[in-house]
Amino acid sequence: MVVGAIVGLAVRRAEVRRLGYAADARHRWIGLGALVGAVVGAKVGMVLFEPAASLAELWARIFALDFAGKTVVGGIAGGYLGVELTKRLVGLRASTGDAFAVALPLSLSFGRIGCWLEGCCYGVPSQAAWAMPLGGVARVPVQLVDALGLALLAAWRWRRRDALRTRGDAFRVTLVGIALIRLGTQFWRGDPVLRWGPLDAVQWVCLLTALAFGALLLRSSLRRAAADGGVDAAS
């Protein structure tokens, strides 16, 4: 996880320079806002896993600054909110997410390898040939599946980092990709999580995230098409 954080911060820093954000000193605060928001969100996000009877204890641990037990879903949401709050505080209005478009999935990929080594976020029991022993039980190595999917997403976003013209769209694509990867691999997760109907709580959050940012991408595409049409008509 430490390696993931270091690599993610290094890639983001390089992207900040490449995208020209470094010219504005206010961008120095964005990374800090993302980090603080992610740490808090990772813990608060445990409400998706804790039964209702344990929520009071969970909030007590949060206020006691006990950050043992965290979730990536909450961390991403908290980091996003931390960035948005920081932008308001420093007076930035433009999207800053594109600097995270490669750094976020790459960092998370390393983090998932850490989960596999630690034995947390484990998969369901399985007799498949690719199952791996964990605690005396053969399980789906869902952490490594997650890591591979996130690494491929990071590689794809790196190759396509200049393909989207609207500022912020690269990050929105990344968020949709992360949400869809987790939505799929969550079916193989073996650790307990609250279930709401056909999907569990994490999958509902991922589905809503993919739909919300997918809608923003569609709106951006339509606006761009309309603008291009107006330019062609004028010419």
Protein backbone atom coordinates (compact mmCIF):
# COMPACT_ATOMS: atom_id res chain seq x y z
CA MET A 1 0.00 0.00 0.00
CA VAL A 2 2.90 2.33 0.76
CA VAL A 3 4.41 1.57 -2.65
CA GLY A 4 1.03 2.28 -4.24
CA ALA A 5 0.78 5.64 -2.48
CA ILE A 6 4.30 6.65 -3.51
CA VAL A 7 3.82 5.58 -7.14
CA GLY A 8 0.40 7.25 -7.32
CA LEU A 9 1.71 10.54 -5.93
CA ALA A 10 4.68 10.48 -8.31
CA VAL A 11 2.49 9.85 -11.36
CA ARG A 12 0.01 12.52 -10.30
CA ARG A 13 2.83 15.02 -9.80
CA ALA A 14 4.15 14.30 -13.29
CA GLU A 15 0.65 14.67 -14.76
CA VAL A 16 0.12 17.97 -12.94
CA ARG A 17 3.20 19.31 -14.69
CA ARG A 18 2.27 17.82 -18.08
CA LEU A 19 -1.26 19.21 -17.96
CA GLY A 20 0.00 22.65 -16.99
CA TYR A 21 -1.72 22.67 -13.59
CA ALA A 22 1.57 23.33 -11.80
CA ALA A 23 1.50 26.92 -13.03
CA ASP A 24 -1.26 27.58 -10.49
CA ALA A 25 0.09 27.30 -6.94
CA ARG A 26 -3.36 26.44 -5.62
CA HIS A 27 -3.03 22.96 -7.12
CA ARG A 28 -0.50 22.12 -4.41
CA TRP A 29 -3.38 21.80 -1.96
CA ILE A 30 -5.42 19.40 -4.09
CA GLY A 31 -3.27 16.35 -3.34
CA LEU A 32 -3.48 17.05 0.39
CA GLY A 33 -7.25 17.39 0.20
CA ALA A 34 -7.48 14.09 -1.67
CA LEU A 35 -5.28 12.33 0.89
CA VAL A 36 -7.17 13.58 3.95
CA GLY A 37 -10.54 12.88 2.32
CA ALA A 38 -9.47 9.37 1.31
CA VAL A 39 -8.26 8.48 4.81
CA VAL A 40 -11.51 9.65 6.42
CA GLY A 41 -13.71 8.20 3.67
CA ALA A 42 -12.00 4.81 3.83
CA LYS A 43 -13.11 4.47 7.43
CA VAL A 44 -16.56 6.03 7.13
CA GLY A 45 -17.20 3.77 4.13
CA MET A 46 -17.21 0.79 6.47
CA VAL A 47 -20.91 1.53 7.03
CA LEU A 48 -21.39 -0.56 3.87
CA PHE A 49 -19.99 -3.58 5.67
CA GLU A 50 -21.09 -3.16 9.28
CA PRO A 51 -24.54 -4.34 10.43
CA ALA A 52 -26.88 -1.66 11.79
CA ALA A 53 -26.33 -2.87 15.36
CA SER A 54 -22.59 -2.08 15.05
CA LEU A 55 -22.86 1.41 13.55
CA ALA A 56 -22.66 3.19 16.90
CA GLU A 57 -19.43 1.35 17.67
CA LEU A 58 -18.09 2.17 14.20
CA TRP A 59 -18.71 5.91 14.64
CA ALA A 60 -17.10 5.75 18.08
CA ARG A 61 -13.97 4.24 16.52
CA ILE A 62 -13.96 6.93 13.81
CA PHE A 63 -14.12 9.77 16.34
CA ALA A 64 -11.41 8.04 18.37
CA LEU A 65 -9.22 8.18 15.23
CA ASP A 66 -9.02 4.39 15.08
CA PHE A 67 -8.51 3.80 11.36
CA ALA A 68 -8.07 0.03 11.47
CA GLY A 69 -10.42 -1.50 8.91
CA LYS A 70 -10.89 0.50 5.71
CA THR A 71 -12.60 0.24 2.34
CA VAL A 72 -11.38 1.39 -1.07
CA VAL A 73 -14.89 2.44 -2.11
CA GLY A 74 -15.13 4.86 0.81
CA GLY A 75 -11.58 6.02 0.21
CA ILE A 76 -12.30 7.00 -3.40
CA ALA A 77 -15.54 8.76 -2.43
CA GLY A 78 -13.81 10.56 0.44
CA GLY A 79 -10.88 11.57 -1.74
CA TYR A 80 -13.26 12.96 -4.37
CA LEU A 81 -15.15 14.98 -1.76
CA GLY A 82 -11.86 16.10 -0.20
CA VAL A 83 -10.71 17.47 -3.55
CA GLU A 84 -13.99 19.26 -4.18
CA LEU A 85 -13.95 20.85 -0.71
CA THR A 86 -10.32 21.89 -1.11
CA LYS A 87 -11.08 23.47 -4.48
CA ARG A 88 -13.78 25.57 -2.87
CA LEU A 89 -11.47 26.62 -0.07
CA VAL A 90 -8.66 27.73 -2.42
CA GLY A 91 -10.97 29.18 -5.08
CA LEU A 92 -10.42 26.70 -7.91
CA ARG A 93 -13.36 26.10 -10.23
CA ALA A 94 -11.87 24.09 -13.10
CA SER A 95 -11.72 20.31 -12.98
CA THR A 96 -8.49 18.94 -11.49
CA GLY A 97 -9.30 15.22 -11.78
CA ASP A 98 -7.37 14.44 -14.97
CA ALA A 99 -4.13 14.45 -12.97
CA PHE A 100 -5.52 11.42 -11.09
CA ALA A 101 -6.75 9.54 -14.19
CA VAL A 102 -3.69 7.26 -14.35
CA ALA A 103 -2.39 7.65 -10.82
CA LEU A 104 -5.55 6.43 -9.05
CA PRO A 105 -6.00 2.99 -10.69
CA LEU A 106 -2.24 2.39 -10.65
CA SER A 107 -2.05 3.16 -6.93
CA LEU A 108 -5.07 0.99 -6.19
CA SER A 109 -3.51 -1.89 -8.16
CA PHE A 110 -0.48 -1.91 -5.86
CA GLY A 111 -2.82 -1.65 -2.87
CA ARG A 112 -4.70 -4.78 -3.97
CA ILE A 113 -1.44 -6.72 -4.08
CA GLY A 114 -0.96 -5.58 -0.48
CA CYS A 115 -4.43 -6.93 0.34
CA TRP A 116 -3.47 -10.28 -1.16
CA LEU A 117 -0.25 -10.44 0.85
CA GLU A 118 -2.11 -9.46 4.02
CA GLY A 119 -4.98 -11.90 3.41
CA CYS A 120 -7.73 -9.28 3.67
CA CYS A 121 -10.47 -8.53 1.12
CA TYR A 122 -10.44 -12.25 0.36
CA GLY A 123 -12.42 -14.18 -2.22
CA VAL A 124 -15.09 -16.84 -1.97
CA PRO A 125 -14.13 -20.51 -1.47
CA SER A 126 -13.48 -22.21 -4.79
CA GLN A 127 -12.25 -25.52 -6.19
CA ALA A 128 -11.19 -23.94 -9.49
CA ALA A 129 -7.65 -24.53 -10.70
CA TRP A 130 -6.78 -20.87 -10.19
CA ALA A 131 -7.92 -20.80 -6.55
CA MET A 132 -5.26 -20.11 -3.93
CA PRO A 133 -5.06 -21.25 -0.29
CA LEU A 134 -5.91 -18.70 2.38
CA GLY A 135 -6.38 -19.67 6.00
CA GLY A 136 -6.56 -23.34 5.03
CA VAL A 137 -9.30 -22.73 2.44
CA ALA A 138 -8.86 -22.50 -1.35
CA ARG A 139 -10.32 -19.18 -2.45
CA VAL A 140 -10.63 -17.06 -5.58
CA PRO A 141 -7.64 -14.65 -5.57
CA VAL A 142 -10.00 -11.74 -6.12
CA GLN A 143 -7.39 -9.25 -4.88
CA LEU A 144 -5.09 -10.19 -7.77
CA VAL A 145 -7.98 -10.07 -10.25
CA ASP A 146 -8.71 -6.55 -9.01
CA ALA A 147 -5.02 -5.63 -9.25
CA LEU A 148 -4.79 -6.87 -12.85
CA GLY A 149 -7.96 -5.06 -13.91
CA LEU A 150 -6.81 -1.81 -12.33
CA ALA A 151 -3.33 -2.09 -13.86
CA LEU A 152 -4.85 -2.60 -17.31
CA LEU A 153 -7.14 0.39 -16.75
CA ALA A 154 -4.15 2.53 -15.77
CA ALA A 155 -2.22 1.40 -18.86
CA TRP A 156 -5.19 2.15 -21.12
CA ARG A 157 -5.72 5.59 -19.60
CA TRP A 158 -1.99 6.31 -20.03
CA ARG A 159 -2.12 5.44 -23.73
CA ARG A 160 -5.32 7.47 -24.18
CA ARG A 161 -4.47 10.32 -21.81
CA ASP A 162 -4.71 12.97 -24.56
CA ALA A 163 -7.69 11.51 -26.41
CA LEU A 164 -10.41 13.42 -24.53
CA ARG A 165 -10.64 17.15 -25.18
CA THR A 166 -12.96 18.18 -22.35
CA ARG A 167 -11.15 18.81 -19.09
CA GLY A 168 -12.22 16.30 -16.46
CA ASP A 169 -13.42 13.61 -18.87
CA ALA A 170 -10.27 11.49 -18.50
CA PHE A 171 -10.88 11.23 -14.76
CA ARG A 172 -14.57 10.49 -15.26
CA VAL A 173 -13.67 7.59 -17.57
CA THR A 174 -11.29 6.29 -14.90
CA LEU A 175 -13.98 6.43 -12.23
CA VAL A 176 -16.43 4.55 -14.46
CA GLY A 177 -13.75 1.93 -15.13
CA ILE A 178 -12.91 1.47 -11.45
CA ALA A 179 -16.60 1.21 -10.56
CA LEU A 180 -17.27 -1.43 -13.22
CA ILE A 181 -14.22 -3.49 -12.24
CA ARG A 182 -15.29 -3.52 -8.60
CA LEU A 183 -18.92 -4.20 -9.53
CA GLY A 184 -17.81 -7.35 -11.33
CA THR A 185 -15.16 -8.65 -8.93
CA GLN A 186 -17.43 -8.06 -5.94
CA PHE A 187 -19.31 -11.23 -6.94
CA TRP A 188 -16.15 -13.15 -5.96
CA ARG A 189 -15.59 -11.37 -2.64
CA GLY A 190 -15.93 -13.60 0.41
CA ASP A 191 -15.75 -11.06 3.23
CA PRO A 192 -19.09 -10.01 4.75
CA VAL A 193 -20.98 -7.03 3.34
CA LEU A 194 -24.53 -5.75 3.63
CA ARG A 195 -26.87 -6.98 0.91
CA TRP A 196 -29.73 -4.96 -0.59
CA GLY A 197 -31.80 -7.04 -3.00
CA PRO A 198 -29.96 -8.59 -5.98
CA LEU A 199 -26.70 -6.72 -5.25
CA ASP A 200 -24.72 -5.92 -2.13
CA ALA A 201 -24.17 -2.39 -0.82
CA VAL A 202 -20.78 -1.98 -2.52
CA GLN A 203 -22.18 -3.05 -5.88
CA TRP A 204 -25.04 -0.58 -5.63
CA VAL A 205 -22.56 2.22 -4.92
CA CYS A 206 -20.41 1.13 -7.88
CA LEU A 207 -23.42 0.88 -10.20
CA LEU A 208 -24.67 4.34 -9.25
CA THR A 209 -21.16 5.76 -9.63
CA ALA A 210 -20.77 4.28 -13.12
CA LEU A 211 -24.18 5.59 -14.18
CA ALA A 212 -23.61 9.07 -12.72
CA PHE A 213 -20.19 9.65 -14.27
CA GLY A 214 -21.27 7.90 -17.45
CA ALA A 215 -24.10 10.45 -17.71
CA LEU A 216 -21.59 13.28 -17.23
CA LEU A 217 -19.46 11.84 -20.04
CA LEU A 218 -22.49 11.62 -22.31
CA ARG A 219 -23.42 15.23 -21.55
CA SER A 220 -19.86 16.32 -22.27
CA SER A 221 -19.89 14.42 -25.58
CA LEU A 222 -23.20 15.98 -26.63
CA ARG A 223 -21.98 19.47 -25.78
CA ARG A 224 -18.79 18.90 -27.74
CA ALA A 225 -20.74 17.58 -30.73
CA ALA A 226 -23.04 20.61 -30.60
CA ALA A 227 -20.06 22.98 -30.42
CA ASP A 228 -18.33 21.26 -33.32
CA GLY A 229 -21.55 21.44 -35.34
CA GLY A 230 -21.80 25.15 -34.63
CA VAL A 231 -18.22 25.70 -35.79
CA ASP A 232 -18.85 23.75 -39.00
CA ALA A 233 -22.03 25.72 -39.70
CA ALA A 234 -20.25 29.02 -39.12
CA SER A 235 -17.41 28.09 -41.43
